[in-house]
C-alpha atoms as a PDB file:
ATOM      1  CA  UNK A   1     -12.252  -8.324 -12.143  1.00  0.00           C
ATOM      2  CA  UNK A   2     -14.674  -5.667 -10.922  1.00  0.00           C
ATOM      3  CA  UNK A   3     -17.297  -6.522  -8.323  1.00  0.00           C
ATOM      4  CA  UNK A   4     -20.905  -6.433  -9.477  1.00  0.00           C
ATOM      5  CA  UNK A   5     -24.158  -6.846  -7.588  1.00  0.00           C
ATOM      6  CA  UNK A   6     -27.364  -5.122  -6.508  1.00  0.00           C
ATOM      7  CA  UNK A   7     -25.576  -3.158  -3.766  1.00  0.00           C
ATOM      8  CA  UNK A   8     -22.541  -2.203  -5.887  1.00  0.00           C
ATOM      9  CA  UNK A   9     -21.337   1.387  -5.479  1.00  0.00           C
ATOM     10  CA  UNK A  10     -19.440   3.257  -8.185  1.00  0.00           C
ATOM     11  CA  UNK A  11     -16.475   4.332  -6.068  1.00  0.00           C
ATOM     12  CA  UNK A  12     -14.713   5.956  -9.002  1.00  0.00           C
ATOM     13  CA  UNK A  13     -17.711   8.256  -9.512  1.00  0.00           C
ATOM     14  CA  UNK A  14     -17.578   9.140  -5.810  1.00  0.00           C
ATOM     15  CA  UNK A  15     -13.853   9.908  -6.144  1.00  0.00           C
ATOM     16  CA  UNK A  16     -14.503  12.125  -9.171  1.00  0.00           C
ATOM     17  CA  UNK A  17     -17.287  13.964  -7.369  1.00  0.00           C
ATOM     18  CA  UNK A  18     -14.895  14.526  -4.468  1.00  0.00           C
ATOM     19  CA  UNK A  19     -12.493  16.325  -6.787  1.00  0.00           C
ATOM     20  CA  UNK A  20     -14.979  19.177  -6.999  1.00  0.00           C
ATOM     21  CA  UNK A  21     -14.908  22.012  -4.504  1.00  0.00           C
ATOM     22  CA  UNK A  22     -17.623  22.729  -1.957  1.00  0.00           C
ATOM     23  CA  UNK A  23     -19.475  24.781  -4.573  1.00  0.00           C
ATOM     24  CA  UNK A  24     -19.682  21.813  -6.940  1.00  0.00           C
ATOM     25  CA  UNK A  25     -17.062  23.171  -9.324  1.00  0.00           C
ATOM     26  CA  UNK A  26     -13.865  21.525 -10.507  1.00  0.00           C
ATOM     27  CA  UNK A  27     -10.957  23.703  -9.273  1.00  0.00           C
ATOM     28  CA  UNK A  28      -8.895  25.057 -12.165  1.00  0.00           C
ATOM     29  CA  UNK A  29      -5.712  23.443 -10.865  1.00  0.00           C
ATOM     30  CA  UNK A  30      -7.346  20.046 -11.268  1.00  0.00           C
ATOM     31  CA  UNK A  31      -7.801  20.484 -15.024  1.00  0.00           C
ATOM     32  CA  UNK A  32      -5.245  23.114 -16.080  1.00  0.00           C
ATOM     33  CA  UNK A  33      -1.834  21.501 -16.577  1.00  0.00           C
ATOM     34  CA  UNK A  34      -0.104  24.847 -17.064  1.00  0.00           C
ATOM     35  CA  UNK A  35      -1.460  26.174 -13.775  1.00  0.00           C
ATOM     36  CA  UNK A  36      -0.323  23.009 -11.999  1.00  0.00           C
ATOM     37  CA  UNK A  37       3.147  23.390 -13.495  1.00  0.00           C
ATOM     38  CA  UNK A  38       3.288  27.012 -12.289  1.00  0.00           C
ATOM     39  CA  UNK A  39       2.348  25.863  -8.775  1.00  0.00           C
ATOM     40  CA  UNK A  40       5.204  23.378  -8.612  1.00  0.00           C
ATOM     41  CA  UNK A  41       7.710  25.753 -10.171  1.00  0.00           C
ATOM     42  CA  UNK A  42       6.876  28.351  -7.503  1.00  0.00           C
ATOM     43  CA  UNK A  43       6.963  25.749  -4.720  1.00  0.00           C
ATOM     44  CA  UNK A  44      10.376  24.465  -5.772  1.00  0.00           C
ATOM     45  CA  UNK A  45      11.733  28.017  -5.969  1.00  0.00           C
ATOM     46  CA  UNK A  46      10.973  28.432  -2.246  1.00  0.00           C
ATOM     47  CA  UNK A  47      12.674  25.179  -1.249  1.00  0.00           C
ATOM     48  CA  UNK A  48      16.247  24.667  -0.181  1.00  0.00           C
ATOM     49  CA  UNK A  49      17.868  21.865  -2.152  1.00  0.00           C
ATOM     50  CA  UNK A  50      16.967  18.560  -0.545  1.00  0.00           C
ATOM     51  CA  UNK A  51      14.545  20.103   1.963  1.00  0.00           C
ATOM     52  CA  UNK A  52      11.722  17.779   3.032  1.00  0.00           C
ATOM     53  CA  UNK A  53       8.776  17.916   5.420  1.00  0.00           C
ATOM     54  CA  UNK A  54       9.765  16.704   8.918  1.00  0.00           C
ATOM     55  CA  UNK A  55       6.684  14.504   9.374  1.00  0.00           C
ATOM     56  CA  UNK A  56       7.577  12.495   6.238  1.00  0.00           C
ATOM     57  CA  UNK A  57      10.475  10.747   7.994  1.00  0.00           C
ATOM     58  CA  UNK A  58       8.072   8.787  10.195  1.00  0.00           C
ATOM     59  CA  UNK A  59       6.029   7.721   7.181  1.00  0.00           C
ATOM     60  CA  UNK A  60       9.149   6.580   5.343  1.00  0.00           C
ATOM     61  CA  UNK A  61      10.244   4.432   8.269  1.00  0.00           C
ATOM     62  CA  UNK A  62       7.037   2.451   7.842  1.00  0.00           C
ATOM     63  CA  UNK A  63       7.355   2.326   4.041  1.00  0.00           C
ATOM     64  CA  UNK A  64      10.936   1.142   4.385  1.00  0.00           C
ATOM     65  CA  UNK A  65       9.771  -2.088   6.021  1.00  0.00           C
ATOM     66  CA  UNK A  66       8.434  -3.248   2.635  1.00  0.00           C
ATOM     67  CA  UNK A  67      11.532  -2.325   0.615  1.00  0.00           C
ATOM     68  CA  UNK A  68      14.778  -4.275   0.568  1.00  0.00           C
ATOM     69  CA  UNK A  69      18.070  -2.760  -0.682  1.00  0.00           C
ATOM     70  CA  UNK A  70      18.010  -5.083  -3.713  1.00  0.00           C
ATOM     71  CA  UNK A  71      14.559  -3.904  -4.795  1.00  0.00           C
ATOM     72  CA  UNK A  72      13.715  -1.646  -7.706  1.00  0.00           C
ATOM     73  CA  UNK A  73      11.191   1.084  -6.846  1.00  0.00           C
ATOM     74  CA  UNK A  74       8.896   3.139  -9.056  1.00  0.00           C
ATOM     75  CA  UNK A  75       7.678   6.323  -7.354  1.00  0.00           C
ATOM     76  CA  UNK A  76       4.591   8.158  -8.595  1.00  0.00           C
ATOM     77  CA  UNK A  77       4.389  11.932  -8.189  1.00  0.00           C
ATOM     78  CA  UNK A  78       7.503  12.462  -6.049  1.00  0.00           C
ATOM     79  CA  UNK A  79       6.885  16.169  -5.459  1.00  0.00           C
ATOM     80  CA  UNK A  80       9.821  17.858  -3.758  1.00  0.00           C
ATOM     81  CA  UNK A  81      11.305  14.538  -2.686  1.00  0.00           C
ATOM     82  CA  UNK A  82       9.944  13.683   0.760  1.00  0.00           C
ATOM     83  CA  UNK A  83      10.371  10.011  -0.098  1.00  0.00           C
ATOM     84  CA  UNK A  84      12.548  10.251  -3.201  1.00  0.00           C
ATOM     85  CA  UNK A  85      15.676  11.265  -1.299  1.00  0.00           C
ATOM     86  CA  UNK A  86      15.538   8.439   1.276  1.00  0.00           C
ATOM     87  CA  UNK A  87      14.489   5.953  -1.420  1.00  0.00           C
ATOM     88  CA  UNK A  88      17.512   6.947  -3.497  1.00  0.00           C
ATOM     89  CA  UNK A  89      19.725   5.958  -0.569  1.00  0.00           C
ATOM     90  CA  UNK A  90      17.903   2.698   0.097  1.00  0.00           C
ATOM     91  CA  UNK A  91      16.812   1.018  -3.146  1.00  0.00           C
ATOM     92  CA  UNK A  92      18.926  -0.571  -5.883  1.00  0.00           C
ATOM     93  CA  UNK A  93      17.024   1.292  -8.592  1.00  0.00           C
ATOM     94  CA  UNK A  94      14.561   4.197  -8.421  1.00  0.00           C
ATOM     95  CA  UNK A  95      12.341   5.505 -11.219  1.00  0.00           C
ATOM     96  CA  UNK A  96      10.388   8.737 -10.657  1.00  0.00           C
ATOM     97  CA  UNK A  97       7.264   9.448 -12.703  1.00  0.00           C
ATOM     98  CA  UNK A  98       5.774  12.944 -12.584  1.00  0.00           C
ATOM     99  CA  UNK A  99       3.694  15.197 -14.814  1.00  0.00           C
ATOM    100  CA  UNK A 100       5.712  18.271 -13.756  1.00  0.00           C
ATOM    101  CA  UNK A 101       8.931  19.093 -15.589  1.00  0.00           C
ATOM    102  CA  UNK A 102       9.890  21.468 -12.763  1.00  0.00           C
ATOM    103  CA  UNK A 103       9.719  18.655 -10.230  1.00  0.00           C
ATOM    104  CA  UNK A 104      11.807  16.270 -12.289  1.00  0.00           C
ATOM    105  CA  UNK A 105      14.439  18.905 -13.064  1.00  0.00           C
ATOM    106  CA  UNK A 106      14.697  19.788  -9.379  1.00  0.00           C
ATOM    107  CA  UNK A 107      15.073  16.179  -8.265  1.00  0.00           C
ATOM    108  CA  UNK A 108      17.615  15.456 -10.971  1.00  0.00           C
ATOM    109  CA  UNK A 109      19.725  18.437  -9.893  1.00  0.00           C
ATOM    110  CA  UNK A 110      19.592  17.293  -6.259  1.00  0.00           C
ATOM    111  CA  UNK A 111      20.427  13.691  -7.123  1.00  0.00           C
ATOM    112  CA  UNK A 112      22.892  14.192  -9.955  1.00  0.00           C
ATOM    113  CA  UNK A 113      25.367  11.815  -8.271  1.00  0.00           C
ATOM    114  CA  UNK A 114      22.767   9.014  -8.068  1.00  0.00           C
ATOM    115  CA  UNK A 115      23.162   7.153 -11.353  1.00  0.00           C
ATOM    116  CA  UNK A 116      20.585   4.532 -10.363  1.00  0.00           C
ATOM    117  CA  UNK A 117      17.781   7.134 -10.319  1.00  0.00           C
ATOM    118  CA  UNK A 118      15.872   7.821 -13.543  1.00  0.00           C
ATOM    119  CA  UNK A 119      13.005  10.147 -14.463  1.00  0.00           C
ATOM    120  CA  UNK A 120       9.895   9.847 -16.638  1.00  0.00           C
ATOM    121  CA  UNK A 121       7.797  12.883 -17.570  1.00  0.00           C
ATOM    122  CA  UNK A 122       4.235  11.523 -17.831  1.00  0.00           C
ATOM    123  CA  UNK A 123       0.810  11.492 -16.271  1.00  0.00           C
ATOM    124  CA  UNK A 124       0.622   8.292 -14.279  1.00  0.00           C
ATOM    125  CA  UNK A 125      -2.956   7.366 -15.172  1.00  0.00           C
ATOM    126  CA  UNK A 126      -2.043   7.749 -18.884  1.00  0.00           C
ATOM    127  CA  UNK A 127       1.221   5.846 -18.563  1.00  0.00           C
ATOM    128  CA  UNK A 128       2.426   4.062 -21.666  1.00  0.00           C
ATOM    129  CA  UNK A 129       2.530   0.264 -21.651  1.00  0.00           C
ATOM    130  CA  UNK A 130       6.269   0.120 -22.288  1.00  0.00           C
ATOM    131  CA  UNK A 131       7.168   1.106 -18.700  1.00  0.00           C
ATOM    132  CA  UNK A 132       8.883  -1.894 -17.131  1.00  0.00           C
ATOM    133  CA  UNK A 133       7.802  -3.623 -13.954  1.00  0.00           C
ATOM    134  CA  UNK A 134       9.447  -2.742 -10.633  1.00  0.00           C
ATOM    135  CA  UNK A 135       9.509  -4.675  -7.393  1.00  0.00           C
ATOM    136  CA  UNK A 136       7.734  -1.882  -5.529  1.00  0.00           C
ATOM    137  CA  UNK A 137       5.386   0.802  -6.871  1.00  0.00           C
ATOM    138  CA  UNK A 138       4.650   3.628  -4.460  1.00  0.00           C
ATOM    139  CA  UNK A 139       2.779   6.923  -4.467  1.00  0.00           C
ATOM    140  CA  UNK A 140       2.242   9.267  -1.507  1.00  0.00           C
ATOM    141  CA  UNK A 141      -0.167  12.221  -1.655  1.00  0.00           C
ATOM    142  CA  UNK A 142       0.037  12.229  -5.439  1.00  0.00           C
ATOM    143  CA  UNK A 143      -3.427  11.217  -6.666  1.00  0.00           C
ATOM    144  CA  UNK A 144      -5.310  14.475  -6.134  1.00  0.00           C
ATOM    145  CA  UNK A 145      -5.536  15.369  -9.873  1.00  0.00           C
ATOM    146  CA  UNK A 146      -6.119  11.838 -11.156  1.00  0.00           C
ATOM    147  CA  UNK A 147      -9.652  11.740 -12.507  1.00  0.00           C
ATOM    148  CA  UNK A 148      -9.288   8.242 -13.986  1.00  0.00           C
ATOM    149  CA  UNK A 149      -8.356   6.840 -10.587  1.00  0.00           C
ATOM    150  CA  UNK A 150      -9.079   3.223 -11.484  1.00  0.00           C
ATOM    151  CA  UNK A 151      -6.597   3.444 -14.348  1.00  0.00           C
ATOM    152  CA  UNK A 152      -4.045   4.810 -11.880  1.00  0.00           C
ATOM    153  CA  UNK A 153      -4.587   1.890  -9.499  1.00  0.00           C
ATOM    154  CA  UNK A 154      -4.605  -0.597 -12.358  1.00  0.00           C
ATOM    155  CA  UNK A 155      -1.165   0.630 -13.462  1.00  0.00           C
ATOM    156  CA  UNK A 156       0.137   0.293  -9.904  1.00  0.00           C
ATOM    157  CA  UNK A 157      -1.096  -3.283  -9.710  1.00  0.00           C
ATOM    158  CA  UNK A 158       0.205  -4.089 -13.211  1.00  0.00           C
ATOM    159  CA  UNK A 159       3.723  -2.727 -12.699  1.00  0.00           C
ATOM    160  CA  UNK A 160       4.395  -3.893  -9.127  1.00  0.00           C
ATOM    161  CA  UNK A 161       6.061  -7.291  -8.879  1.00  0.00           C
ATOM    162  CA  UNK A 162       6.116  -7.532  -5.083  1.00  0.00           C
ATOM    163  CA  UNK A 163       4.077  -4.735  -3.494  1.00  0.00           C
ATOM    164  CA  UNK A 164       2.084  -1.604  -4.303  1.00  0.00           C
ATOM    165  CA  UNK A 165       1.901   1.125  -1.655  1.00  0.00           C
ATOM    166  CA  UNK A 166      -0.354   4.174  -1.456  1.00  0.00           C
ATOM    167  CA  UNK A 167       0.325   6.809   1.184  1.00  0.00           C
ATOM    168  CA  UNK A 168      -2.046   9.613   2.127  1.00  0.00           C
ATOM    169  CA  UNK A 169      -2.020  12.085   4.974  1.00  0.00           C
ATOM    170  CA  UNK A 170      -5.394  12.314   6.629  1.00  0.00           C
ATOM    171  CA  UNK A 171      -7.259  13.997   9.457  1.00  0.00           C
ATOM    172  CA  UNK A 172      -8.353  15.261  11.708  1.00  0.00           C
ATOM    173  CA  UNK A 173      -8.466  18.782  10.317  1.00  0.00           C
ATOM    174  CA  UNK A 174      -6.806  21.518  12.406  1.00  0.00           C
ATOM    175  CA  UNK A 175      -8.931  21.506  15.594  1.00  0.00           C
ATOM    176  CA  UNK A 176      -9.906  25.186  15.614  1.00  0.00           C
ATOM    177  CA  UNK A 177     -11.863  24.587  12.399  1.00  0.00           C
ATOM    178  CA  UNK A 178     -13.947  22.003  14.249  1.00  0.00           C
ATOM    179  CA  UNK A 179     -14.787  24.688  16.817  1.00  0.00           C
ATOM    180  CA  UNK A 180     -15.656  27.203  14.119  1.00  0.00           C
ATOM    181  CA  UNK A 181     -17.973  24.639  12.548  1.00  0.00           C
ATOM    182  CA  UNK A 182     -19.610  23.227  15.669  1.00  0.00           C
ATOM    183  CA  UNK A 183     -19.823  26.335  17.878  1.00  0.00           C
ATOM    184  CA  UNK A 184     -20.262  29.144  15.351  1.00  0.00           C
ATOM    185  CA  UNK A 185     -21.810  27.308  12.399  1.00  0.00           C
ATOM    186  CA  UNK A 186     -19.313  28.331   9.748  1.00  0.00           C
ATOM    187  CA  UNK A 187     -18.985  26.344   6.553  1.00  0.00           C
ATOM    188  CA  UNK A 188     -15.543  24.769   6.531  1.00  0.00           C
ATOM    189  CA  UNK A 189     -13.479  23.345   3.688  1.00  0.00           C
ATOM    190  CA  UNK A 190     -13.318  19.833   5.089  1.00  0.00           C
ATOM    191  CA  UNK A 191     -11.475  17.292   2.902  1.00  0.00           C
ATOM    192  CA  UNK A 192     -13.752  15.741   0.280  1.00  0.00           C
ATOM    193  CA  UNK A 193     -11.615  12.625  -0.335  1.00  0.00           C
ATOM    194  CA  UNK A 194      -9.724  10.359   2.029  1.00  0.00           C
ATOM    195  CA  UNK A 195      -7.725   7.141   2.205  1.00  0.00           C
ATOM    196  CA  UNK A 196     -10.812   5.015   2.801  1.00  0.00           C
ATOM    197  CA  UNK A 197     -11.754   5.557  -0.833  1.00  0.00           C
ATOM    198  CA  UNK A 198      -8.628   3.717  -1.961  1.00  0.00           C
ATOM    199  CA  UNK A 199      -9.660   0.701   0.108  1.00  0.00           C
ATOM    200  CA  UNK A 200     -13.114   0.811  -1.470  1.00  0.00           C
ATOM    201  CA  UNK A 201     -11.775   1.276  -5.009  1.00  0.00           C
ATOM    202  CA  UNK A 202      -9.364  -1.628  -4.588  1.00  0.00           C
ATOM    203  CA  UNK A 203     -12.112  -3.782  -3.071  1.00  0.00           C
ATOM    204  CA  UNK A 204     -14.218  -3.036  -6.146  1.00  0.00           C
ATOM    205  CA  UNK A 205     -11.238  -4.302  -8.186  1.00  0.00           C
ATOM    206  CA  UNK A 206     -11.258  -7.518  -6.101  1.00  0.00           C
ATOM    207  CA  UNK A 207      -8.092  -6.489  -4.237  1.00  0.00           C
ATOM    208  CA  UNK A 208      -8.055  -6.859  -0.456  1.00  0.00           C
ATOM    209  CA  UNK A 209      -5.557  -4.218   0.676  1.00  0.00           C
ATOM    210  CA  UNK A 210      -3.945  -3.733   4.064  1.00  0.00           C
ATOM    211  CA  UNK A 211      -4.064  -0.398   5.867  1.00  0.00           C
ATOM    212  CA  UNK A 212      -1.661   1.005   8.455  1.00  0.00           C
ATOM    213  CA  UNK A 213      -2.471   4.236  10.318  1.00  0.00           C
ATOM    214  CA  UNK A 214       0.498   6.322  11.487  1.00  0.00           C
ATOM    215  CA  UNK A 215       0.059   9.117  14.087  1.00  0.00           C
ATOM    216  CA  UNK A 216       1.873  12.320  13.148  1.00  0.00           C
ATOM    217  CA  UNK A 217       2.270  15.884  14.303  1.00  0.00           C
ATOM    218  CA  UNK A 218       3.127  19.116  12.549  1.00  0.00           C
ATOM    219  CA  UNK A 219       4.044  22.451  14.111  1.00  0.00           C
ATOM    220  CA  UNK A 220       3.125  25.483  12.019  1.00  0.00           C
ATOM    221  CA  UNK A 221       5.369  28.483  12.688  1.00  0.00           C
ATOM    222  CA  UNK A 222       4.389  32.108  12.022  1.00  0.00           C
ATOM    223  CA  UNK A 223       6.346  35.360  12.090  1.00  0.00           C
ATOM    224  CA  UNK A 224       3.430  37.314  13.526  1.00  0.00           C
ATOM    225  CA  UNK A 225       0.015  36.893  15.096  1.00  0.00           C
ATOM    226  CA  UNK A 226      -1.568  38.488  12.031  1.00  0.00           C
ATOM    227  CA  UNK A 227       0.032  35.886   9.781  1.00  0.00           C
ATOM    228  CA  UNK A 228      -1.257  33.114  12.038  1.00  0.00           C
ATOM    229  CA  UNK A 229      -4.851  34.369  12.025  1.00  0.00           C
ATOM    230  CA  UNK A 230      -4.872  35.049   8.276  1.00  0.00           C
ATOM    231  CA  UNK A 231      -3.420  31.681   7.341  1.00  0.00           C
ATOM    232  CA  UNK A 232      -5.628  29.716   9.702  1.00  0.00           C
ATOM    233  CA  UNK A 233      -8.803  31.334   8.348  1.00  0.00           C
ATOM    234  CA  UNK A 234      -8.391  30.106   4.772  1.00  0.00           C
ATOM    235  CA  UNK A 235     -10.592  27.037   5.153  1.00  0.00           C
ATOM    236  CA  UNK A 236     -13.640  29.095   6.121  1.00  0.00           C
ATOM    237  CA  UNK A 237     -15.997  29.021   3.137  1.00  0.00           C
ATOM    238  CA  UNK A 238     -18.314  31.829   4.235  1.00  0.00           C
ATOM    239  CA  UNK A 239     -17.853  35.151   2.445  1.00  0.00           C
ATOM    240  CA  UNK A 240     -17.727  36.949   5.798  1.00  0.00           C
ATOM    241  CA  UNK A 241     -16.808  35.830   9.302  1.00  0.00           C
ATOM    242  CA  UNK A 242     -15.971  37.390  12.639  1.00  0.00           C
ATOM    243  CA  UNK A 243     -12.254  37.577  13.319  1.00  0.00           C
ATOM    244  CA  UNK A 244     -12.973  37.311  17.051  1.00  0.00           C
ATOM    245  CA  UNK A 245     -14.449  33.849  16.469  1.00  0.00           C
ATOM    246  CA  UNK A 246     -11.253  32.724  14.733  1.00  0.00           C
ATOM    247  CA  UNK A 247      -9.051  34.139  17.503  1.00  0.00           C
ATOM    248  CA  UNK A 248     -11.129  32.494  20.232  1.00  0.00           C
ATOM    249  CA  UNK A 249     -11.054  29.139  18.419  1.00  0.00           C
ATOM    250  CA  UNK A 250      -7.289  29.328  17.898  1.00  0.00           C
ATOM    251  CA  UNK A 251      -6.447  30.262  21.479  1.00  0.00           C
ATOM    252  CA  UNK A 252      -6.198  26.737  22.985  1.00  0.00           C
ATOM    253  CA  UNK A 253      -3.811  25.563  20.273  1.00  0.00           C
ATOM    254  CA  UNK A 254      -1.227  28.316  19.885  1.00  0.00           C
ATOM    255  CA  UNK A 255       1.945  29.203  21.731  1.00  0.00           C
ATOM    256  CA  UNK A 256       3.986  32.399  21.537  1.00  0.00           C
ATOM    257  CA  UNK A 257       7.770  32.387  21.927  1.00  0.00           C
ATOM    258  CA  UNK A 258       9.971  35.412  21.328  1.00  0.00           C
ATOM    259  CA  UNK A 259       7.435  37.102  19.095  1.00  0.00           C
ATOM    260  CA  UNK A 260       6.788  34.024  16.944  1.00  0.00           C
ATOM    261  CA  UNK A 261       3.645  31.918  17.031  1.00  0.00           C
ATOM    262  CA  UNK A 262       3.369  28.138  16.917  1.00  0.00           C
ATOM    263  CA  UNK A 263       0.396  25.923  16.218  1.00  0.00           C
ATOM    264  CA  UNK A 264       0.682  22.166  16.798  1.00  0.00           C
ATOM    265  CA  UNK A 265      -1.563  19.917  14.761  1.00  0.00           C
ATOM    266  CA  UNK A 266      -1.932  16.177  15.443  1.00  0.00           C
ATOM    267  CA  UNK A 267      -2.980  14.232  12.359  1.00  0.00           C
ATOM    268  CA  UNK A 268      -2.365  10.853  10.687  1.00  0.00           C
ATOM    269  CA  UNK A 269      -1.086   9.138   7.595  1.00  0.00           C
ATOM    270  CA  UNK A 270      -2.575   6.003   6.066  1.00  0.00           C
ATOM    271  CA  UNK A 271      -0.535   3.440   4.149  1.00  0.00           C
ATOM    272  CA  UNK A 272      -2.679   1.263   1.912  1.00  0.00           C
ATOM    273  CA  UNK A 273      -0.734  -1.623   0.404  1.00  0.00           C
ATOM    274  CA  UNK A 274      -1.256  -4.929  -1.348  1.00  0.00           C
ATOM    275  CA  UNK A 275       0.487  -7.737  -3.158  1.00  0.00           C
ATOM    276  CA  UNK A 276      -0.209  -7.384  -6.889  1.00  0.00           C
ATOM    277  CA  UNK A 277      -2.640  -9.801  -8.503  1.00  0.00           C
END
């Protein structure tokens, strides 16, 4: 059932509008499957086998509370395995669904001794009806290209027997960008979609989801000061900007040790979950 009424908001339309960039254009990676495949192939080539992001461990510890060793788990968009690897060691059965052949090949090579892990090459929102139900259906940071987002959520609800879980890392943005925006007036590439939209979309589907916020931190490491400044300027949308403004804004947040530079960023993850209905 979808909620109707005089104050109803089309949250799917808002999601789709948020897929566009700050110039109102749909980024090519959102619509070009070949370009997306190239991105993941290049990303995997830079990874050590089994390497995951350190902050993901804290998110998994919260996810793990909903998953028992006897459960079957279906993971959407596993990427380079932040949650796939621990899930493979925890769940009775794990099925990974991804639109990238590079991703699935990489995971299969890393988990070749895990006979209870299987792989499906498909776009989640276009998933065929013959996929079997699993106890838990989970997807973390995997919905960014899904235009038909309601179909994606519908499939999660349809295929989860016990619980559906959405994970999404969220703000705040790196703090020096706030300074660049507020003090110097630069246009900044702030996120255009966030976890709150999942709560609204599910509410529109008559699903009352729970939400857990997890505090996280990430330390960015750079070989040189130049690399730091260049990398941490990429979210400025203006064609030109003053480097001195970037350096001044970065100063409170960076640390230098033995010629390397470190930037600590406090942010959050949101876990949106519900019992299927």
